[in-house]
Amino acid sequence: MLRRAGIDHARGLVCAVDSDAENVYITLIAHSLNPSLAIVSRVSEAASAERLTHASASSVVSPYITSGRRMALLAVRPHVVDFLEFTRAGSSDFRIEEIRFDAGSRL
Protein backbone atom coordinates (compact mmCIF):
# COMPACT_ATOMS: atom_id res chain seq x y z
CA MET A 1 0.00 0.00 0.00
CA LEU A 2 2.78 2.45 0.92
CA ARG A 3 4.61 1.75 -2.34
CA ARG A 4 1.43 2.34 -4.35
CA ALA A 5 0.99 5.62 -2.49
CA GLY A 6 4.48 6.71 -3.64
CA ILE A 7 6.42 6.31 -0.40
CA ASP A 8 9.70 6.12 -2.37
CA HIS A 9 9.36 9.75 -3.47
CA ALA A 10 7.36 11.16 -0.54
CA ARG A 11 8.75 13.85 1.72
CA GLY A 12 6.40 13.16 4.59
CA LEU A 13 3.84 10.78 6.06
CA VAL A 14 1.11 11.39 8.61
CA CYS A 15 0.40 8.13 10.38
CA ALA A 16 -2.88 8.49 12.29
CA VAL A 17 -4.68 5.17 12.60
CA ASP A 18 -6.51 4.41 15.86
CA SER A 19 -4.11 1.74 17.11
CA ASP A 20 -0.76 2.75 18.61
CA ALA A 21 0.66 -0.67 17.70
CA GLU A 22 -0.37 -0.20 14.06
CA ASN A 23 1.14 3.29 14.03
CA VAL A 24 4.44 1.84 15.28
CA TYR A 25 4.34 -0.88 12.61
CA ILE A 26 3.49 1.56 9.80
CA THR A 27 6.21 3.94 11.00
CA LEU A 28 8.82 1.15 11.00
CA ILE A 29 7.86 -0.02 7.52
CA ALA A 30 7.68 3.51 6.10
CA HIS A 31 11.08 4.40 7.51
CA SER A 32 12.62 1.22 6.10
CA LEU A 33 11.23 2.07 2.65
CA ASN A 34 12.28 5.74 2.76
CA PRO A 35 14.79 6.60 5.52
CA SER A 36 14.68 10.35 4.74
CA LEU A 37 10.91 10.52 5.21
CA ALA A 38 9.50 12.91 7.82
CA ILE A 39 6.96 10.88 9.77
CA VAL A 40 4.36 12.41 12.08
CA SER A 41 2.60 9.72 14.12
CA ARG A 42 -0.47 9.85 16.33
CA VAL A 43 -0.38 8.25 19.76
CA SER A 44 -3.24 7.52 22.15
CA GLU A 45 -1.26 6.35 25.19
CA ALA A 46 1.71 8.29 26.52
CA ALA A 47 3.71 5.07 26.94
CA SER A 48 3.58 4.50 23.19
CA ALA A 49 5.27 7.82 22.38
CA GLU A 50 8.73 6.44 23.14
CA ARG A 51 8.06 3.39 20.96
CA LEU A 52 7.12 5.61 18.04
CA THR A 53 10.25 7.69 18.52
CA HIS A 54 12.36 4.50 18.51
CA ALA A 55 10.49 3.40 15.38
CA SER A 56 11.84 6.60 13.70
CA ALA A 57 8.83 8.89 13.93
CA SER A 58 10.05 12.46 13.41
CA SER A 59 7.24 13.81 15.58
CA VAL A 60 4.68 12.20 17.85
CA VAL A 61 1.34 13.87 18.53
CA SER A 62 -1.19 12.95 21.18
CA PRO A 63 -4.59 14.48 20.40
CA TYR A 64 -5.52 14.10 24.07
CA ILE A 65 -2.47 16.00 25.34
CA THR A 66 -2.73 18.61 22.58
CA SER A 67 -6.40 19.29 23.19
CA GLY A 68 -5.84 19.36 26.96
CA ARG A 69 -3.10 21.97 26.58
CA ARG A 70 -5.28 24.01 24.25
CA MET A 71 -8.16 23.92 26.72
CA ALA A 72 -5.84 25.06 29.51
CA LEU A 73 -4.51 27.89 27.33
CA LEU A 74 -8.06 28.95 26.49
CA ALA A 75 -8.80 29.14 30.21
CA VAL A 76 -5.77 31.29 31.12
CA ARG A 77 -4.67 32.98 27.87
CA PRO A 78 -7.71 33.16 25.56
CA HIS A 79 -6.44 36.20 23.63
CA VAL A 80 -3.20 34.42 22.74
CA VAL A 81 -5.18 31.46 21.37
CA ASP A 82 -7.44 33.84 19.44
CA PHE A 83 -4.39 35.59 17.97
CA LEU A 84 -2.74 32.36 16.90
CA GLU A 85 -5.97 31.10 15.32
CA PHE A 86 -6.35 34.42 13.52
CA THR A 87 -2.86 34.16 12.04
CA ARG A 88 -3.51 30.59 10.87
CA ALA A 89 -6.89 31.32 9.32
CA GLY A 90 -5.30 32.69 6.16
CA SER A 91 -7.48 35.79 6.27
CA SER A 92 -4.65 38.09 7.24
CA ASP A 93 -1.39 39.20 5.70
CA PHE A 94 0.41 38.16 8.87
CA ARG A 95 2.17 34.77 8.82
CA ILE A 96 4.61 32.93 10.99
CA GLU A 97 7.29 31.10 9.00
CA GLU A 98 10.18 28.80 9.76
CA ILE A 99 13.52 29.65 8.18
CA ARG A 100 16.59 27.44 8.45
CA PHE A 101 20.12 28.77 8.26
CA ASP A 102 23.21 26.74 7.45
CA ALA A 103 25.99 26.54 9.99
CA GLY A 104 28.44 29.36 9.35
CA SER A 105 25.77 31.65 7.92
CA ARG A 106 26.36 35.35 8.56
CA LEU A 107 22.84 35.55 10.00
C-alpha atoms as a PDB file:
ATOM      1  CA  MET A   1       0.000   0.000   0.000  1.00  0.00           C
ATOM      2  CA  LEU A   2       2.785   2.451   0.918  1.00  0.00           C
ATOM      3  CA  ARG A   3       4.614   1.749  -2.340  1.00  0.00           C
ATOM      4  CA  ARG A   4       1.431   2.338  -4.347  1.00  0.00           C
ATOM      5  CA  ALA A   5       0.991   5.625  -2.495  1.00  0.00           C
ATOM      6  CA  GLY A   6       4.477   6.714  -3.641  1.00  0.00           C
ATOM      7  CA  ILE A   7       6.422   6.315  -0.404  1.00  0.00           C
ATOM      8  CA  ASP A   8       9.695   6.119  -2.370  1.00  0.00           C
ATOM      9  CA  HIS A   9       9.358   9.751  -3.475  1.00  0.00           C
ATOM     10  CA  ALA A  10       7.363  11.158  -0.543  1.00  0.00           C
ATOM     11  CA  ARG A  11       8.755  13.854   1.722  1.00  0.00           C
ATOM     12  CA  GLY A  12       6.402  13.157   4.595  1.00  0.00           C
ATOM     13  CA  LEU A  13       3.841  10.777   6.059  1.00  0.00           C
ATOM     14  CA  VAL A  14       1.106  11.385   8.608  1.00  0.00           C
ATOM     15  CA  CYS A  15       0.399   8.127  10.385  1.00  0.00           C
ATOM     16  CA  ALA A  16      -2.876   8.485  12.287  1.00  0.00           C
ATOM     17  CA  VAL A  17      -4.684   5.172  12.603  1.00  0.00           C
ATOM     18  CA  ASP A  18      -6.514   4.412  15.865  1.00  0.00           C
ATOM     19  CA  SER A  19      -4.109   1.738  17.108  1.00  0.00           C
ATOM     20  CA  ASP A  20      -0.756   2.746  18.613  1.00  0.00           C
ATOM     21  CA  ALA A  21       0.658  -0.672  17.696  1.00  0.00           C
ATOM     22  CA  GLU A  22      -0.374  -0.204  14.062  1.00  0.00           C
ATOM     23  CA  ASN A  23       1.139   3.292  14.026  1.00  0.00           C
ATOM     24  CA  VAL A  24       4.439   1.838  15.283  1.00  0.00           C
ATOM     25  CA  TYR A  25       4.338  -0.876  12.607  1.00  0.00           C
ATOM     26  CA  ILE A  26       3.495   1.560   9.800  1.00  0.00           C
ATOM     27  CA  THR A  27       6.214   3.940  10.996  1.00  0.00           C
ATOM     28  CA  LEU A  28       8.816   1.151  11.003  1.00  0.00           C
ATOM     29  CA  ILE A  29       7.862  -0.021   7.522  1.00  0.00           C
ATOM     30  CA  ALA A  30       7.676   3.512   6.097  1.00  0.00           C
ATOM     31  CA  HIS A  31      11.081   4.402   7.507  1.00  0.00           C
ATOM     32  CA  SER A  32      12.620   1.223   6.099  1.00  0.00           C
ATOM     33  CA  LEU A  33      11.230   2.074   2.652  1.00  0.00           C
ATOM     34  CA  ASN A  34      12.277   5.742   2.760  1.00  0.00           C
ATOM     35  CA  PRO A  35      14.792   6.601   5.518  1.00  0.00           C
ATOM     36  CA  SER A  36      14.684  10.349   4.740  1.00  0.00           C
ATOM     37  CA  LEU A  37      10.907  10.518   5.205  1.00  0.00           C
ATOM     38  CA  ALA A  38       9.503  12.914   7.820  1.00  0.00           C
ATOM     39  CA  ILE A  39       6.958  10.877   9.775  1.00  0.00           C
ATOM     40  CA  VAL A  40       4.364  12.409  12.083  1.00  0.00           C
ATOM     41  CA  SER A  41       2.600   9.717  14.116  1.00  0.00           C
ATOM     42  CA  ARG A  42      -0.469   9.853  16.328  1.00  0.00           C
ATOM     43  CA  VAL A  43      -0.377   8.255  19.759  1.00  0.00           C
ATOM     44  CA  SER A  44      -3.237   7.519  22.153  1.00  0.00           C
ATOM     45  CA  GLU A  45      -1.263   6.353  25.190  1.00  0.00           C
ATOM     46  CA  ALA A  46       1.709   8.290  26.520  1.00  0.00           C
ATOM     47  CA  ALA A  47       3.711   5.066  26.944  1.00  0.00           C
ATOM     48  CA  SER A  48       3.580   4.496  23.193  1.00  0.00           C
ATOM     49  CA  ALA A  49       5.266   7.817  22.376  1.00  0.00           C
ATOM     50  CA  GLU A  50       8.727   6.444  23.144  1.00  0.00           C
ATOM     51  CA  ARG A  51       8.059   3.391  20.961  1.00  0.00           C
ATOM     52  CA  LEU A  52       7.121   5.609  18.043  1.00  0.00           C
ATOM     53  CA  THR A  53      10.253   7.688  18.524  1.00  0.00           C
ATOM     54  CA  HIS A  54      12.363   4.500  18.514  1.00  0.00           C
ATOM     55  CA  ALA A  55      10.492   3.403  15.383  1.00  0.00           C
ATOM     56  CA  SER A  56      11.838   6.595  13.699  1.00  0.00           C
ATOM     57  CA  ALA A  57       8.829   8.889  13.926  1.00  0.00           C
ATOM     58  CA  SER A  58      10.047  12.459  13.411  1.00  0.00           C
ATOM     59  CA  SER A  59       7.243  13.812  15.581  1.00  0.00           C
ATOM     60  CA  VAL A  60       4.683  12.202  17.850  1.00  0.00           C
ATOM     61  CA  VAL A  61       1.345  13.873  18.534  1.00  0.00           C
ATOM     62  CA  SER A  62      -1.193  12.949  21.176  1.00  0.00           C
ATOM     63  CA  PRO A  63      -4.588  14.483  20.396  1.00  0.00           C
ATOM     64  CA  TYR A  64      -5.522  14.102  24.073  1.00  0.00           C
ATOM     65  CA  ILE A  65      -2.473  15.999  25.343  1.00  0.00           C
ATOM     66  CA  THR A  66      -2.731  18.607  22.584  1.00  0.00           C
ATOM     67  CA  SER A  67      -6.403  19.288  23.191  1.00  0.00           C
ATOM     68  CA  GLY A  68      -5.840  19.362  26.963  1.00  0.00           C
ATOM     69  CA  ARG A  69      -3.096  21.967  26.579  1.00  0.00           C
ATOM     70  CA  ARG A  70      -5.277  24.008  24.248  1.00  0.00           C
ATOM     71  CA  MET A  71      -8.160  23.922  26.719  1.00  0.00           C
ATOM     72  CA  ALA A  72      -5.840  25.061  29.513  1.00  0.00           C
ATOM     73  CA  LEU A  73      -4.512  27.894  27.335  1.00  0.00           C
ATOM     74  CA  LEU A  74      -8.056  28.955  26.489  1.00  0.00           C
ATOM     75  CA  ALA A  75      -8.798  29.144  30.209  1.00  0.00           C
ATOM     76  CA  VAL A  76      -5.766  31.295  31.121  1.00  0.00           C
ATOM     77  CA  ARG A  77      -4.673  32.975  27.866  1.00  0.00           C
ATOM     78  CA  PRO A  78      -7.710  33.160  25.563  1.00  0.00           C
ATOM     79  CA  HIS A  79      -6.437  36.195  23.631  1.00  0.00           C
ATOM     80  CA  VAL A  80      -3.199  34.419  22.740  1.00  0.00           C
ATOM     81  CA  VAL A  81      -5.178  31.463  21.371  1.00  0.00           C
ATOM     82  CA  ASP A  82      -7.440  33.838  19.436  1.00  0.00           C
ATOM     83  CA  PHE A  83      -4.387  35.595  17.974  1.00  0.00           C
ATOM     84  CA  LEU A  84      -2.737  32.358  16.900  1.00  0.00           C
ATOM     85  CA  GLU A  85      -5.967  31.101  15.323  1.00  0.00           C
ATOM     86  CA  PHE A  86      -6.351  34.424  13.519  1.00  0.00           C
ATOM     87  CA  THR A  87      -2.859  34.165  12.037  1.00  0.00           C
ATOM     88  CA  ARG A  88      -3.507  30.587  10.870  1.00  0.00           C
ATOM     89  CA  ALA A  89      -6.889  31.323   9.316  1.00  0.00           C
ATOM     90  CA  GLY A  90      -5.295  32.686   6.158  1.00  0.00           C
ATOM     91  CA  SER A  91      -7.483  35.788   6.272  1.00  0.00           C
ATOM     92  CA  SER A  92      -4.651  38.090   7.244  1.00  0.00           C
ATOM     93  CA  ASP A  93      -1.386  39.202   5.696  1.00  0.00           C
ATOM     94  CA  PHE A  94       0.412  38.158   8.874  1.00  0.00           C
ATOM     95  CA  ARG A  95       2.168  34.772   8.818  1.00  0.00           C
ATOM     96  CA  ILE A  96       4.609  32.925  10.994  1.00  0.00           C
ATOM     97  CA  GLU A  97       7.286  31.102   9.002  1.00  0.00           C
ATOM     98  CA  GLU A  98      10.179  28.803   9.759  1.00  0.00           C
ATOM     99  CA  ILE A  99      13.524  29.652   8.185  1.00  0.00           C
ATOM    100  CA  ARG A 100      16.592  27.436   8.454  1.00  0.00           C
ATOM    101  CA  PHE A 101      20.116  28.770   8.258  1.00  0.00           C
ATOM    102  CA  ASP A 102      23.207  26.744   7.446  1.00  0.00           C
ATOM    103  CA  ALA A 103      25.991  26.539   9.992  1.00  0.00           C
ATOM    104  CA  GLY A 104      28.439  29.360   9.354  1.00  0.00           C
ATOM    105  CA  SER A 105      25.772  31.650   7.918  1.00  0.00           C
ATOM    106  CA  ARG A 106      26.356  35.352   8.558  1.00  0.00           C
ATOM    107  CA  LEU A 107      22.842  35.550   9.996  1.00  0.00           C
END
